[in-house]
Protein backbone atom coordinates (compact mmCIF):
# COMPACT_ATOMS: atom_id res chain seq x y z
CA MET A 1 1.08 4.99 12.93
CA PHE A 2 3.50 3.82 10.28
CA ASN A 3 5.39 6.73 8.82
CA MET A 4 6.90 6.07 5.42
CA LEU A 5 8.88 9.31 5.76
CA SER A 6 10.83 7.82 8.67
CA TYR A 7 11.27 4.64 6.71
CA ARG A 8 12.44 6.75 3.78
CA LYS A 9 15.60 7.65 5.72
CA LYS A 10 16.70 4.05 5.23
CA ARG A 11 15.36 3.75 1.70
CA ASN A 12 15.51 6.05 -1.28
CA ARG A 13 12.42 7.54 -2.93
CA LYS A 14 12.50 5.00 -5.76
CA GLU A 15 12.26 2.12 -3.27
CA ILE A 16 9.38 3.81 -1.40
CA LYS A 17 7.50 4.23 -4.65
CA ALA A 18 8.19 0.56 -5.47
CA MET A 19 6.20 -0.40 -2.35
CA GLY A 20 3.22 1.37 -3.85
CA TYR A 21 3.76 -0.44 -7.10
CA LYS A 22 3.66 -3.71 -5.15
CA ILE A 23 0.10 -2.90 -4.07
CA LYS A 24 -0.83 -2.12 -7.66
CA GLU A 25 1.00 -5.16 -9.01
CA ILE A 26 -0.75 -7.57 -6.64
CA ARG A 27 -4.11 -5.85 -7.07
CA GLU A 28 -3.90 -6.06 -10.86
CA GLU A 29 -2.66 -9.69 -10.77
CA ILE A 30 -5.91 -10.69 -9.07
CA GLY A 31 -8.00 -8.46 -11.35
CA MET A 32 -9.11 -6.02 -8.68
CA THR A 33 -9.75 -2.32 -9.22
CA GLN A 34 -8.80 0.36 -6.72
CA ALA A 35 -12.50 0.80 -5.97
CA GLU A 36 -12.93 -2.93 -5.27
CA LEU A 37 -9.85 -2.97 -3.05
CA SER A 38 -11.15 0.09 -1.26
CA ILE A 39 -14.44 -1.62 -0.46
CA LYS A 40 -12.87 -4.94 0.51
CA ALA A 41 -10.24 -3.28 2.72
CA GLY A 42 -12.49 -0.59 4.16
CA VAL A 43 -9.97 2.06 3.13
CA SER A 44 -10.66 5.06 0.91
CA ARG A 45 -9.71 4.79 -2.75
CA THR A 46 -7.80 8.05 -2.32
CA ILE A 47 -5.49 6.40 0.23
CA ILE A 48 -4.96 3.37 -2.02
CA ASN A 49 -4.19 5.60 -4.98
CA GLY A 50 -1.85 7.72 -2.88
CA LEU A 51 0.06 4.68 -1.65
CA GLU A 52 0.28 3.24 -5.16
CA THR A 53 1.62 6.46 -6.64
CA GLY A 54 3.85 7.45 -3.72
CA ARG A 55 1.87 10.63 -2.99
CA THR A 56 0.77 9.27 0.38
CA THR A 57 3.76 8.68 2.62
CA THR A 58 2.09 8.35 6.02
CA THR A 59 -0.66 5.95 7.00
CA THR A 60 -1.70 3.87 9.98
CA THR A 61 -0.58 0.35 10.69
CA ASP A 62 -4.26 -0.60 10.68
CA THR A 63 -4.60 0.66 7.10
CA LEU A 64 -1.61 -1.39 6.00
CA LYS A 65 -3.08 -4.49 7.66
CA LYS A 66 -6.47 -3.93 6.01
CA ILE A 67 -4.95 -3.58 2.54
CA ALA A 68 -2.76 -6.64 3.02
CA ALA A 69 -5.70 -8.73 4.28
CA ALA A 70 -7.86 -7.63 1.35
CA LEU A 71 -5.10 -8.76 -1.03
CA ASP A 72 -4.64 -12.00 0.95
CA LYS A 73 -1.01 -11.09 1.71
CA LYS A 74 1.10 -10.32 4.76
CA VAL A 75 2.00 -6.67 5.32
CA SER A 76 5.68 -7.56 4.90
CA GLU A 77 5.01 -9.08 1.45
CA ILE A 78 3.60 -5.80 0.22
CA PHE A 79 5.50 -3.06 1.98
CA PHE A 80 8.89 -4.42 3.00
CA ASN A 81 10.15 -6.67 0.19
């Protein structure tokens, strides 16, 4: 399980929230809604919304991989830039 709270010790809250914005930025660039991403990734829209807004700080590595694959990106391009 990837824990953004542990990662937060190395990054400040603004940077963590920016990772969520990266999901939203990429999703919107390709004209995809949260609902469409949810279906394509097989992840609940609530999780996607939580990651985009910074309200969700803990998720599984599998979830990160699914979202990245649905956006045709590497996990590192979305969450660690």
